Amino acid sequence: MLYGYGAYGHAMEPSFSIRNLSLVDRGWIWATAHIRGGSDRAGLVPRWPQGEEANSFTDFIACAEHLIGAGYGAKGNIAVYGGSAGGLLMGAVSNLRPDLWGAVIAAVPFVDVLNP
């Protein structure tokens, strides 16, 4: 399960979550993608200018490709999860690279901004 948010300067601090434990107990691997958009990335990569939110999408895809390359998942067999702005992320990556995902959980997706 690859989780992502990457918006509004919200940092993804490493933490323990009891809700993820049931997946881990069943052999799943839980990964959090630290993508541009969160304040935790400040100084590590250049902040993207207004209107370049697509970098969050490509960063998330790059994280999935890295996990596949490292043997932590297989193409077409990765579950991804994000809510609110992370739901927007899920909507975008599911359209950009549908070949990577086995399941997409877009919790309360903020996808109405995709329509002009």
PDB file of N, CA and C in Angstrom:
ATOM      1  N   MET A   1       0.862  -1.171   0.000  1.00  0.00           N
ATOM      2  CA  MET A   1       0.000   0.000   0.000  1.00  0.00           C
ATOM      3  C   MET A   1       0.896   1.217   0.000  1.00  0.00           C
ATOM      4  N   LEU A   2       0.734   2.042  -1.005  1.00  0.00           N
ATOM      5  CA  LEU A   2       1.501   3.290  -1.107  1.00  0.00           C
ATOM      6  C   LEU A   2       0.558   4.448  -0.814  1.00  0.00           C
ATOM      7  N   TYR A   3       0.882   5.217   0.230  1.00  0.00           N
ATOM      8  CA  TYR A   3       0.052   6.339   0.649  1.00  0.00           C
ATOM      9  C   TYR A   3       0.687   7.649   0.200  1.00  0.00           C
ATOM     10  N   GLY A   4      -0.150   8.603  -0.201  1.00  0.00           N
ATOM     11  CA  GLY A   4       0.367   9.911  -0.573  1.00  0.00           C
ATOM     12  C   GLY A   4      -0.609  11.029  -0.295  1.00  0.00           C
ATOM     13  N   TYR A   5      -0.055  12.203  -0.061  1.00  0.00           N
ATOM     14  CA  TYR A   5      -0.851  13.424   0.125  1.00  0.00           C
ATOM     15  C   TYR A   5      -0.199  14.547  -0.674  1.00  0.00           C
ATOM     16  N   GLY A   6       0.846  15.152  -0.170  1.00  0.00           N
ATOM     17  CA  GLY A   6       1.646  16.119  -0.918  1.00  0.00           C
ATOM     18  C   GLY A   6       0.957  17.401  -1.323  1.00  0.00           C
ATOM     19  N   ALA A   7       0.335  18.084  -0.371  1.00  0.00           N
ATOM     20  CA  ALA A   7      -0.322  19.346  -0.708  1.00  0.00           C
ATOM     21  C   ALA A   7      -0.365  20.264   0.510  1.00  0.00           C
ATOM     22  N   TYR A   8      -0.578  21.520   0.237  1.00  0.00           N
ATOM     23  CA  TYR A   8      -0.801  22.539   1.263  1.00  0.00           C
ATOM     24  C   TYR A   8       0.322  22.633   2.291  1.00  0.00           C
ATOM     25  N   GLY A   9       1.521  22.212   1.935  1.00  0.00           N
ATOM     26  CA  GLY A   9       2.647  22.303   2.845  1.00  0.00           C
ATOM     27  C   GLY A   9       2.571  21.346   4.026  1.00  0.00           C
ATOM     28  N   HIS A  10       1.696  20.348   3.935  1.00  0.00           N
ATOM     29  CA  HIS A  10       1.516  19.393   5.034  1.00  0.00           C
ATOM     30  C   HIS A  10       2.636  18.360   5.008  1.00  0.00           C
ATOM     31  N   ALA A  11       3.427  18.312   6.061  1.00  0.00           N
ATOM     32  CA  ALA A  11       4.528  17.355   6.158  1.00  0.00           C
ATOM     33  C   ALA A  11       4.003  15.985   6.574  1.00  0.00           C
ATOM     34  N   MET A  12       4.562  14.941   6.009  1.00  0.00           N
ATOM     35  CA  MET A  12       4.193  13.570   6.357  1.00  0.00           C
ATOM     36  C   MET A  12       5.230  13.042   7.342  1.00  0.00           C
ATOM     37  N   GLU A  13       4.978  13.241   8.612  1.00  0.00           N
ATOM     38  CA  GLU A  13       5.900  12.782   9.651  1.00  0.00           C
ATOM     39  C   GLU A  13       5.834  11.265   9.764  1.00  0.00           C
ATOM     40  N   PRO A  14       6.983  10.602   9.957  1.00  0.00           N
ATOM     41  CA  PRO A  14       6.947   9.161  10.213  1.00  0.00           C
ATOM     42  C   PRO A  14       6.175   8.899  11.504  1.00  0.00           C
ATOM     43  N   SER A  15       5.284   7.923  11.462  1.00  0.00           N
ATOM     44  CA  SER A  15       4.478   7.640  12.643  1.00  0.00           C
ATOM     45  C   SER A  15       3.949   6.207  12.587  1.00  0.00           C
ATOM     46  N   PHE A  16       3.416   5.754  13.701  1.00  0.00           N
ATOM     47  CA  PHE A  16       2.777   4.444  13.789  1.00  0.00           C
ATOM     48  C   PHE A  16       1.276   4.642  13.743  1.00  0.00           C
ATOM     49  N   SER A  17       0.603   3.795  12.982  1.00  0.00           N
ATOM     50  CA  SER A  17      -0.852   3.849  12.929  1.00  0.00           C
ATOM     51  C   SER A  17      -1.416   2.445  13.123  1.00  0.00           C
ATOM     52  N   ILE A  18      -2.248   2.268  14.120  1.00  0.00           N
ATOM     53  CA  ILE A  18      -2.838   0.964  14.409  1.00  0.00           C
ATOM     54  C   ILE A  18      -3.671   0.467  13.239  1.00  0.00           C
ATOM     55  N   ARG A  19      -4.272   1.371  12.482  1.00  0.00           N
ATOM     56  CA  ARG A  19      -5.115   0.943  11.359  1.00  0.00           C
ATOM     57  C   ARG A  19      -4.298   0.260  10.264  1.00  0.00           C
ATOM     58  N   ASN A  20      -3.015   0.574  10.155  1.00  0.00           N
ATOM     59  CA  ASN A  20      -2.168  -0.058   9.145  1.00  0.00           C
ATOM     60  C   ASN A  20      -1.635  -1.407   9.604  1.00  0.00           C
ATOM     61  N   LEU A  21      -1.678  -1.651  10.899  1.00  0.00           N
ATOM     62  CA  LEU A  21      -1.108  -2.869  11.459  1.00  0.00           C
ATOM     63  C   LEU A  21      -1.787  -4.125  10.925  1.00  0.00           C
ATOM     64  N   SER A  22      -3.094  -4.087  10.708  1.00  0.00           N
ATOM     65  CA  SER A  22      -3.784  -5.274  10.213  1.00  0.00           C
ATOM     66  C   SER A  22      -3.304  -5.647   8.811  1.00  0.00           C
ATOM     67  N   LEU A  23      -2.949  -4.674   7.993  1.00  0.00           N
ATOM     68  CA  LEU A  23      -2.386  -4.970   6.676  1.00  0.00           C
ATOM     69  C   LEU A  23      -0.988  -5.564   6.799  1.00  0.00           C
ATOM     70  N   VAL A  24      -0.176  -4.956   7.635  1.00  0.00           N
ATOM     71  CA  VAL A  24       1.195  -5.429   7.833  1.00  0.00           C
ATOM     72  C   VAL A  24       1.177  -6.856   8.392  1.00  0.00           C
ATOM     73  N   ASP A  25       0.260  -7.143   9.310  1.00  0.00           N
ATOM     74  CA  ASP A  25       0.129  -8.494   9.867  1.00  0.00           C
ATOM     75  C   ASP A  25      -0.222  -9.523   8.801  1.00  0.00           C
ATOM     76  N   ARG A  26      -0.837  -9.073   7.717  1.00  0.00           N
ATOM     77  CA  ARG A  26      -1.212  -9.969   6.618  1.00  0.00           C
ATOM     78  C   ARG A  26      -0.156 -10.016   5.514  1.00  0.00           C
ATOM     79  N   GLY A  27       0.997  -9.408   5.766  1.00  0.00           N
ATOM     80  CA  GLY A  27       2.091  -9.474   4.798  1.00  0.00           C
ATOM     81  C   GLY A  27       2.210  -8.293   3.856  1.00  0.00           C
ATOM     82  N   TRP A  28       1.347  -7.304   4.017  1.00  0.00           N
ATOM     83  CA  TRP A  28       1.439  -6.109   3.178  1.00  0.00           C
ATOM     84  C   TRP A  28       2.646  -5.279   3.595  1.00  0.00           C
ATOM     85  N   ILE A  29       3.093  -4.456   2.680  1.00  0.00           N
ATOM     86  CA  ILE A  29       4.112  -3.449   2.973  1.00  0.00           C
ATOM     87  C   ILE A  29       3.422  -2.095   2.870  1.00  0.00           C
ATOM     88  N   TRP A  30       3.578  -1.259   3.897  1.00  0.00           N
ATOM     89  CA  TRP A  30       2.997   0.094   3.892  1.00  0.00           C
ATOM     90  C   TRP A  30       4.122   1.080   3.614  1.00  0.00           C
ATOM     91  N   ALA A  31       3.937   1.907   2.611  1.00  0.00           N
ATOM     92  CA  ALA A  31       4.927   2.933   2.278  1.00  0.00           C
ATOM     93  C   ALA A  31       4.230   4.281   2.165  1.00  0.00           C
ATOM     94  N   THR A  32       4.906   5.319   2.626  1.00  0.00           N
ATOM     95  CA  THR A  32       4.410   6.681   2.496  1.00  0.00           C
ATOM     96  C   THR A  32       5.313   7.419   1.524  1.00  0.00           C
ATOM     97  N   ALA A  33       4.724   7.957   0.488  1.00  0.00           N
ATOM     98  CA  ALA A  33       5.481   8.701  -0.523  1.00  0.00           C
ATOM     99  C   ALA A  33       5.671  10.138  -0.039  1.00  0.00           C
ATOM    100  N   HIS A  34       6.905  10.549   0.100  1.00  0.00           N
ATOM    101  CA  HIS A  34       7.209  11.931   0.484  1.00  0.00           C
ATOM    102  C   HIS A  34       7.445  12.716  -0.799  1.00  0.00           C
ATOM    103  N   ILE A  35       6.372  13.316  -1.288  1.00  0.00           N
ATOM    104  CA  ILE A  35       6.401  13.988  -2.587  1.00  0.00           C
ATOM    105  C   ILE A  35       6.383  15.489  -2.415  1.00  0.00           C
ATOM    106  N   ARG A  36       6.754  16.184  -3.477  1.00  0.00           N
ATOM    107  CA  ARG A  36       6.728  17.646  -3.412  1.00  0.00           C
ATOM    108  C   ARG A  36       5.314  18.125  -3.147  1.00  0.00           C
ATOM    109  N   GLY A  37       5.217  19.178  -2.385  1.00  0.00           N
ATOM    110  CA  GLY A  37       3.937  19.721  -1.964  1.00  0.00           C
ATOM    111  C   GLY A  37       3.854  19.791  -0.452  1.00  0.00           C
ATOM    112  N   GLY A  38       4.594  18.923   0.215  1.00  0.00           N
ATOM    113  CA  GLY A  38       4.655  18.938   1.674  1.00  0.00           C
ATOM    114  C   GLY A  38       5.844  19.748   2.139  1.00  0.00           C
ATOM    115  N   SER A  39       5.736  20.372   3.301  1.00  0.00           N
ATOM    116  CA  SER A  39       6.816  21.221   3.807  1.00  0.00           C
ATOM    117  C   SER A  39       8.034  20.406   4.213  1.00  0.00           C
ATOM    118  N   ASP A  40       7.872  19.090   4.405  1.00  0.00           N
ATOM    119  CA  ASP A  40       9.002  18.242   4.776  1.00  0.00           C
ATOM    120  C   ASP A  40      10.022  18.137   3.648  1.00  0.00           C
ATOM    121  N   ARG A  41       9.652  18.499   2.441  1.00  0.00           N
ATOM    122  CA  ARG A  41      10.547  18.416   1.297  1.00  0.00           C
ATOM    123  C   ARG A  41      11.303  19.732   1.077  1.00  0.00           C
ATOM    124  N   ALA A  42      10.964  20.758   1.825  1.00  0.00           N
ATOM    125  CA  ALA A  42      11.616  22.059   1.645  1.00  0.00           C
ATOM    126  C   ALA A  42      13.118  21.919   1.834  1.00  0.00           C
ATOM    127  N   GLY A  43      13.874  22.431   0.903  1.00  0.00           N
ATOM    128  CA  GLY A  43      15.320  22.384   0.972  1.00  0.00           C
ATOM    129  C   GLY A  43      15.903  21.124   0.342  1.00  0.00           C
ATOM    130  N   LEU A  44      15.097  20.053   0.243  1.00  0.00           N
ATOM    131  CA  LEU A  44      15.583  18.821  -0.372  1.00  0.00           C
ATOM    132  C   LEU A  44      15.411  18.845  -1.884  1.00  0.00           C
ATOM    133  N   VAL A  45      14.313  19.398  -2.318  1.00  0.00           N
ATOM    134  CA  VAL A  45      14.066  19.588  -3.745  1.00  0.00           C
ATOM    135  C   VAL A  45      13.507  20.998  -3.904  1.00  0.00           C
ATOM    136  N   PRO A  46      13.693  21.602  -5.046  1.00  0.00           N
ATOM    137  CA  PRO A  46      13.139  22.943  -5.222  1.00  0.00           C
ATOM    138  C   PRO A  46      11.623  22.936  -5.103  1.00  0.00           C
ATOM    139  N   ARG A  47      11.074  23.949  -4.444  1.00  0.00           N
ATOM    140  CA  ARG A  47       9.615  24.076  -4.403  1.00  0.00           C
ATOM    141  C   ARG A  47       9.129  24.418  -5.784  1.00  0.00           C
ATOM    142  N   TRP A  48       8.039  23.773  -6.171  1.00  0.00           N
ATOM    143  CA  TRP A  48       7.536  24.039  -7.499  1.00  0.00           C
ATOM    144  C   TRP A  48       6.670  25.284  -7.495  1.00  0.00           C
ATOM    145  N   PRO A  49       6.735  26.051  -8.575  1.00  0.00           N
ATOM    146  CA  PRO A  49       5.940  27.269  -8.669  1.00  0.00           C
ATOM    147  C   PRO A  49       4.452  26.962  -8.734  1.00  0.00           C
ATOM    148  N   GLN A  50       3.649  27.967  -8.449  1.00  0.00           N
ATOM    149  CA  GLN A  50       2.199  27.842  -8.535  1.00  0.00           C
ATOM    150  C   GLN A  50       1.816  27.303  -9.910  1.00  0.00           C
ATOM    151  N   GLY A  51       0.922  26.339  -9.929  1.00  0.00           N
ATOM    152  CA  GLY A  51       0.461  25.789 -11.191  1.00  0.00           C
ATOM    153  C   GLY A  51       1.230  24.567 -11.653  1.00  0.00           C
ATOM    154  N   GLU A  52       2.231  24.145 -10.899  1.00  0.00           N
ATOM    155  CA  GLU A  52       2.990  22.960 -11.295  1.00  0.00           C
ATOM    156  C   GLU A  52       2.746  21.806 -10.336  1.00  0.00           C
ATOM    157  N   GLU A  53       1.484  21.633  -9.926  1.00  0.00           N
ATOM    158  CA  GLU A  53       1.122  20.563  -9.012  1.00  0.00           C
ATOM    159  C   GLU A  53       1.363  19.197  -9.625  1.00  0.00           C
ATOM    160  N   ALA A  54       1.468  19.130 -10.944  1.00  0.00           N
ATOM    161  CA  ALA A  54       1.708  17.845 -11.610  1.00  0.00           C
ATOM    162  C   ALA A  54       2.985  17.189 -11.111  1.00  0.00           C
ATOM    163  N   ASN A  55       3.910  17.973 -10.552  1.00  0.00           N
ATOM    164  CA  ASN A  55       5.120  17.375  -9.978  1.00  0.00           C
ATOM    165  C   ASN A  55       4.777  16.414  -8.852  1.00  0.00           C
ATOM    166  N   SER A  56       3.741  16.696  -8.081  1.00  0.00           N
ATOM    167  CA  SER A  56       3.308  15.775  -7.033  1.00  0.00           C
ATOM    168  C   SER A  56       2.895  14.449  -7.652  1.00  0.00           C
ATOM    169  N   PHE A  57       2.227  14.512  -8.787  1.00  0.00           N
ATOM    170  CA  PHE A  57       1.757  13.303  -9.457  1.00  0.00           C
ATOM    171  C   PHE A  57       2.941  12.477  -9.963  1.00  0.00           C
ATOM    172  N   THR A  58       3.874  13.127 -10.632  1.00  0.00           N
ATOM    173  CA  THR A  58       5.018  12.393 -11.177  1.00  0.00           C
ATOM    174  C   THR A  58       5.954  11.915 -10.066  1.00  0.00           C
ATOM    175  N   ASP A  59       6.053  12.664  -8.972  1.00  0.00           N
ATOM    176  CA  ASP A  59       6.845  12.213  -7.822  1.00  0.00           C
ATOM    177  C   ASP A  59       6.249  10.931  -7.237  1.00  0.00           C
ATOM    178  N   PHE A  60       4.926  10.880  -7.116  1.00  0.00           N
ATOM    179  CA  PHE A  60       4.253   9.708  -6.567  1.00  0.00           C
ATOM    180  C   PHE A  60       4.488   8.492  -7.469  1.00  0.00           C
ATOM    181  N   ILE A  61       4.368   8.694  -8.762  1.00  0.00           N
ATOM    182  CA  ILE A  61       4.616   7.623  -9.722  1.00  0.00           C
ATOM    183  C   ILE A  61       6.057   7.139  -9.618  1.00  0.00           C
ATOM    184  N   ALA A  62       6.995   8.077  -9.455  1.00  0.00           N
ATOM    185  CA  ALA A  62       8.406   7.706  -9.306  1.00  0.00           C
ATOM    186  C   ALA A  62       8.619   6.869  -8.041  1.00  0.00           C
ATOM    187  N   CYS A  63       7.905   7.187  -6.963  1.00  0.00           N
ATOM    188  CA  CYS A  63       7.998   6.384  -5.739  1.00  0.00           C
ATOM    189  C   CYS A  63       7.526   4.959  -6.000  1.00  0.00           C
ATOM    190  N   ALA A  64       6.418   4.815  -6.705  1.00  0.00           N
ATOM    191  CA  ALA A  64       5.908   3.479  -7.025  1.00  0.00           C
ATOM    192  C   ALA A  64       6.900   2.717  -7.899  1.00  0.00           C
ATOM    193  N   GLU A  65       7.465   3.388  -8.887  1.00  0.00           N
ATOM    194  CA  GLU A  65       8.443   2.734  -9.755  1.00  0.00           C
ATOM    195  C   GLU A  65       9.684   2.308  -8.977  1.00  0.00           C
ATOM    196  N   HIS A  66      10.086   3.109  -7.999  1.00  0.00           N
ATOM    197  CA  HIS A  66      11.219   2.752  -7.161  1.00  0.00           C
ATOM    198  C   HIS A  66      10.903   1.501  -6.327  1.00  0.00           C
ATOM    199  N   LEU A  67       9.706   1.451  -5.735  1.00  0.00           N
ATOM    200  CA  LEU A  67       9.318   0.285  -4.947  1.00  0.00           C
ATOM    201  C   LEU A  67       9.309  -0.980  -5.806  1.00  0.00           C
ATOM    202  N   ILE A  68       8.815  -0.861  -7.035  1.00  0.00           N
ATOM    203  CA  ILE A  68       8.794  -1.995  -7.954  1.00  0.00           C
ATOM    204  C   ILE A  68      10.235  -2.425  -8.274  1.00  0.00           C
ATOM    205  N   GLY A  69      11.086  -1.459  -8.592  1.00  0.00           N
ATOM    206  CA  GLY A  69      12.480  -1.752  -8.910  1.00  0.00           C
ATOM    207  C   GLY A  69      13.239  -2.385  -7.758  1.00  0.00           C
ATOM    208  N   ALA A  70      12.856  -2.033  -6.528  1.00  0.00           N
ATOM    209  CA  ALA A  70      13.522  -2.573  -5.340  1.00  0.00           C
ATOM    210  C   ALA A  70      12.920  -3.910  -4.893  1.00  0.00           C
ATOM    211  N   GLY A  71      11.908  -4.371  -5.597  1.00  0.00           N
ATOM    212  CA  GLY A  71      11.308  -5.655  -5.279  1.00  0.00           C
ATOM    213  C   GLY A  71      10.239  -5.635  -4.210  1.00  0.00           C
ATOM    214  N   TYR A  72       9.724  -4.453  -3.874  1.00  0.00           N
ATOM    215  CA  TYR A  72       8.687  -4.341  -2.844  1.00  0.00           C
ATOM    216  C   TYR A  72       7.276  -4.411  -3.405  1.00  0.00           C
ATOM    217  N   GLY A  73       7.157  -4.525  -4.692  1.00  0.00           N
ATOM    218  CA  GLY A  73       5.850  -4.591  -5.331  1.00  0.00           C
ATOM    219  C   GLY A  73       6.027  -5.005  -6.771  1.00  0.00           C
ATOM    220  N   ALA A  74       4.913  -5.195  -7.445  1.00  0.00           N
ATOM    221  CA  ALA A  74       4.941  -5.578  -8.844  1.00  0.00           C
ATOM    222  C   ALA A  74       4.032  -4.647  -9.638  1.00  0.00           C
ATOM    223  N   LYS A  75       4.421  -4.358 -10.856  1.00  0.00           N
ATOM    224  CA  LYS A  75       3.625  -3.506 -11.728  1.00  0.00           C
ATOM    225  C   LYS A  75       2.220  -4.095 -11.871  1.00  0.00           C
ATOM    226  N   GLY A  76       1.225  -3.245 -11.631  1.00  0.00           N
ATOM    227  CA  GLY A  76      -0.159  -3.678 -11.706  1.00  0.00           C
ATOM    228  C   GLY A  76      -0.681  -4.316 -10.438  1.00  0.00           C
ATOM    229  N   ASN A  77       0.148  -4.370  -9.404  1.00  0.00           N
ATOM    230  CA  ASN A  77      -0.240  -5.028  -8.167  1.00  0.00           C
ATOM    231  C   ASN A  77       0.009  -4.155  -6.942  1.00  0.00           C
ATOM    232  N   ILE A  78       0.034  -2.852  -7.137  1.00  0.00           N
ATOM    233  CA  ILE A  78       0.243  -1.924  -6.028  1.00  0.00           C
ATOM    234  C   ILE A  78      -1.089  -1.258  -5.697  1.00  0.00           C
ATOM    235  N   ALA A  79      -1.429  -1.255  -4.422  1.00  0.00           N
ATOM    236  CA  ALA A  79      -2.603  -0.527  -3.952  1.00  0.00           C
ATOM    237  C   ALA A  79      -2.128   0.860  -3.525  1.00  0.00           C
ATOM    238  N   VAL A  80      -2.899   1.882  -3.876  1.00  0.00           N
ATOM    239  CA  VAL A  80      -2.548   3.253  -3.504  1.00  0.00           C
ATOM    240  C   VAL A  80      -3.717   3.889  -2.774  1.00  0.00           C
ATOM    241  N   TYR A  81      -3.380   4.833  -1.884  1.00  0.00           N
ATOM    242  CA  TYR A  81      -4.392   5.431  -1.022  1.00  0.00           C
ATOM    243  C   TYR A  81      -4.056   6.890  -0.756  1.00  0.00           C
ATOM    244  N   GLY A  82      -5.074   7.737  -0.817  1.00  0.00           N
ATOM    245  CA  GLY A  82      -4.947   9.135  -0.453  1.00  0.00           C
ATOM    246  C   GLY A  82      -6.322   9.737  -0.266  1.00  0.00           C
ATOM    247  N   GLY A  83      -6.417  10.706   0.623  1.00  0.00           N
ATOM    248  CA  GLY A  83      -7.688  11.348   0.890  1.00  0.00           C
ATOM    249  C   GLY A  83      -7.605  12.850   0.737  1.00  0.00           C
ATOM    250  N   SER A  84      -8.728  13.473   0.399  1.00  0.00           N
ATOM    251  CA  SER A  84      -8.833  14.917   0.173  1.00  0.00           C
ATOM    252  C   SER A  84      -7.913  15.311  -0.979  1.00  0.00           C
ATOM    253  N   ALA A  85      -6.893  16.121  -0.723  1.00  0.00           N
ATOM    254  CA  ALA A  85      -5.944  16.437  -1.788  1.00  0.00           C
ATOM    255  C   ALA A  85      -5.190  15.182  -2.223  1.00  0.00           C
ATOM    256  N   GLY A  86      -5.037  14.224  -1.305  1.00  0.00           N
ATOM    257  CA  GLY A  86      -4.467  12.927  -1.665  1.00  0.00           C
ATOM    258  C   GLY A  86      -5.410  12.147  -2.574  1.00  0.00           C
ATOM    259  N   GLY A  87      -6.707  12.388  -2.455  1.00  0.00           N
ATOM    260  CA  GLY A  87      -7.683  11.799  -3.373  1.00  0.00           C
ATOM    261  C   GLY A  87      -7.520  12.367  -4.770  1.00  0.00           C
ATOM    262  N   LEU A  88      -7.221  13.669  -4.844  1.00  0.00           N
ATOM    263  CA  LEU A  88      -6.896  14.293  -6.131  1.00  0.00           C
ATOM    264  C   LEU A  88      -5.659  13.624  -6.719  1.00  0.00           C
ATOM    265  N   LEU A  89      -4.665  13.397  -5.879  1.00  0.00           N
ATOM    266  CA  LEU A  89      -3.458  12.696  -6.297  1.00  0.00           C
ATOM    267  C   LEU A  89      -3.810  11.324  -6.866  1.00  0.00           C
ATOM    268  N   MET A  90      -4.694  10.584  -6.182  1.00  0.00           N
ATOM    269  CA  MET A  90      -5.089   9.252  -6.653  1.00  0.00           C
ATOM    270  C   MET A  90      -5.813   9.328  -7.992  1.00  0.00           C
ATOM    271  N   GLY A  91      -6.680  10.328  -8.141  1.00  0.00           N
ATOM    272  CA  GLY A  91      -7.380  10.503  -9.411  1.00  0.00           C
ATOM    273  C   GLY A  91      -6.419  10.756 -10.555  1.00  0.00           C
ATOM    274  N   ALA A  92      -5.417  11.572 -10.289  1.00  0.00           N
ATOM    275  CA  ALA A  92      -4.447  11.907 -11.329  1.00  0.00           C
ATOM    276  C   ALA A  92      -3.559  10.719 -11.683  1.00  0.00           C
ATOM    277  N   VAL A  93      -2.991  10.052 -10.664  1.00  0.00           N
ATOM    278  CA  VAL A  93      -2.064   8.951 -10.967  1.00  0.00           C
ATOM    279  C   VAL A  93      -2.781   7.750 -11.563  1.00  0.00           C
ATOM    280  N   SER A  94      -4.048   7.559 -11.204  1.00  0.00           N
ATOM    281  CA  SER A  94      -4.788   6.437 -11.794  1.00  0.00           C
ATOM    282  C   SER A  94      -5.041   6.668 -13.276  1.00  0.00           C
ATOM    283  N   ASN A  95      -5.101   7.908 -13.680  1.00  0.00           N
ATOM    284  CA  ASN A  95      -5.257   8.226 -15.106  1.00  0.00           C
ATOM    285  C   ASN A  95      -3.920   8.297 -15.837  1.00  0.00           C
ATOM    286  N   LEU A  96      -2.891   8.788 -15.146  1.00  0.00           N
ATOM    287  CA  LEU A  96      -1.575   8.906 -15.786  1.00  0.00           C
ATOM    288  C   LEU A  96      -0.899   7.554 -15.989  1.00  0.00           C
ATOM    289  N   ARG A  97      -1.006   6.666 -15.005  1.00  0.00           N
ATOM    290  CA  ARG A  97      -0.319   5.368 -15.070  1.00  0.00           C
ATOM    291  C   ARG A  97      -1.221   4.240 -14.559  1.00  0.00           C
ATOM    292  N   PRO A  98      -2.302   3.954 -15.250  1.00  0.00           N
ATOM    293  CA  PRO A  98      -3.210   2.899 -14.780  1.00  0.00           C
ATOM    294  C   PRO A  98      -2.562   1.514 -14.747  1.00  0.00           C
ATOM    295  N   ASP A  99      -1.476   1.351 -15.476  1.00  0.00           N
ATOM    296  CA  ASP A  99      -0.783   0.057 -15.529  1.00  0.00           C
ATOM    297  C   ASP A  99      -0.073  -0.300 -14.227  1.00  0.00           C
ATOM    298  N   LEU A 100       0.150   0.679 -13.352  1.00  0.00           N
ATOM    299  CA  LEU A 100       0.893   0.426 -12.110  1.00  0.00           C
ATOM    300  C   LEU A 100       0.015  -0.093 -10.974  1.00  0.00           C
ATOM    301  N   TRP A 101      -1.260   0.233 -10.984  1.00  0.00           N
ATOM    302  CA  TRP A 101      -2.097   0.048  -9.801  1.00  0.00           C
ATOM    303  C   TRP A 101      -2.994  -1.174  -9.898  1.00  0.00           C
ATOM    304  N   GLY A 102      -3.097  -1.888  -8.789  1.00  0.00           N
ATOM    305  CA  GLY A 102      -4.048  -2.984  -8.669  1.00  0.00           C
ATOM    306  C   GLY A 102      -5.322  -2.518  -7.992  1.00  0.00           C
ATOM    307  N   ALA A 103      -5.214  -1.485  -7.157  1.00  0.00           N
ATOM    308  CA  ALA A 103      -6.356  -0.901  -6.456  1.00  0.00           C
ATOM    309  C   ALA A 103      -6.039   0.551  -6.148  1.00  0.00           C
ATOM    310  N   VAL A 104      -7.067   1.395  -6.231  1.00  0.00           N
ATOM    311  CA  VAL A 104      -6.918   2.820  -5.930  1.00  0.00           C
ATOM    312  C   VAL A 104      -8.011   3.211  -4.947  1.00  0.00           C
ATOM    313  N   ILE A 105      -7.586   3.730  -3.796  1.00  0.00           N
ATOM    314  CA  ILE A 105      -8.536   4.224  -2.799  1.00  0.00           C
ATOM    315  C   ILE A 105      -8.420   5.739  -2.776  1.00  0.00           C
ATOM    316  N   ALA A 106      -9.437   6.393  -3.299  1.00  0.00           N
ATOM    317  CA  ALA A 106      -9.483   7.857  -3.308  1.00  0.00           C
ATOM    318  C   ALA A 106     -10.519   8.277  -2.266  1.00  0.00           C
ATOM    319  N   ALA A 107     -10.071   8.473  -1.033  1.00  0.00           N
ATOM    320  CA  ALA A 107     -10.957   8.841   0.063  1.00  0.00           C
ATOM    321  C   ALA A 107     -11.294  10.329  -0.033  1.00  0.00           C
ATOM    322  N   VAL A 108     -12.556  10.649   0.035  1.00  0.00           N
ATOM    323  CA  VAL A 108     -13.058  12.023  -0.129  1.00  0.00           C
ATOM    324  C   VAL A 108     -12.209  12.813  -1.134  1.00  0.00           C
ATOM    325  N   PRO A 109     -12.165  12.354  -2.369  1.00  0.00           N
ATOM    326  CA  PRO A 109     -11.261  12.975  -3.359  1.00  0.00           C
ATOM    327  C   PRO A 109     -11.677  14.390  -3.713  1.00  0.00           C
ATOM    328  N   PHE A 110     -10.711  15.248  -3.713  1.00  0.00           N
ATOM    329  CA  PHE A 110     -10.876  16.648  -4.090  1.00  0.00           C
ATOM    330  C   PHE A 110     -10.588  16.746  -5.592  1.00  0.00           C
ATOM    331  N   VAL A 111     -11.418  16.065  -6.405  1.00  0.00           N
ATOM    332  CA  VAL A 111     -11.126  15.983  -7.838  1.00  0.00           C
ATOM    333  C   VAL A 111     -11.915  16.975  -8.679  1.00  0.00           C
ATOM    334  N   ASP A 112     -12.832  17.721  -8.078  1.00  0.00           N
ATOM    335  CA  ASP A 112     -13.605  18.659  -8.872  1.00  0.00           C
ATOM    336  C   ASP A 112     -12.738  19.751  -9.491  1.00  0.00           C
ATOM    337  N   VAL A 113     -11.541  19.960  -8.967  1.00  0.00           N
ATOM    338  CA  VAL A 113     -10.652  20.971  -9.534  1.00  0.00           C
ATOM    339  C   VAL A 113     -10.050  20.509 -10.860  1.00  0.00           C
ATOM    340  N   LEU A 114     -10.230  19.227 -11.204  1.00  0.00           N
ATOM    341  CA  LEU A 114      -9.741  18.738 -12.486  1.00  0.00           C
ATOM    342  C   LEU A 114     -10.593  19.239 -13.636  1.00  0.00           C
ATOM    343  N   ASN A 115     -11.840  19.605 -13.346  1.00  0.00           N
ATOM    344  CA  ASN A 115     -12.726  20.125 -14.390  1.00  0.00           C
ATOM    345  C   ASN A 115     -12.663  21.649 -14.434  1.00  0.00           C
ATOM    346  N   PRO A 116     -12.460  22.208 -15.622  1.00  0.00           N
ATOM    347  CA  PRO A 116     -12.391  23.681 -15.715  1.00  0.00           C
ATOM    348  C   PRO A 116     -13.733  24.335 -15.474  1.00  0.00           C
TER     349      PRO A 116
END
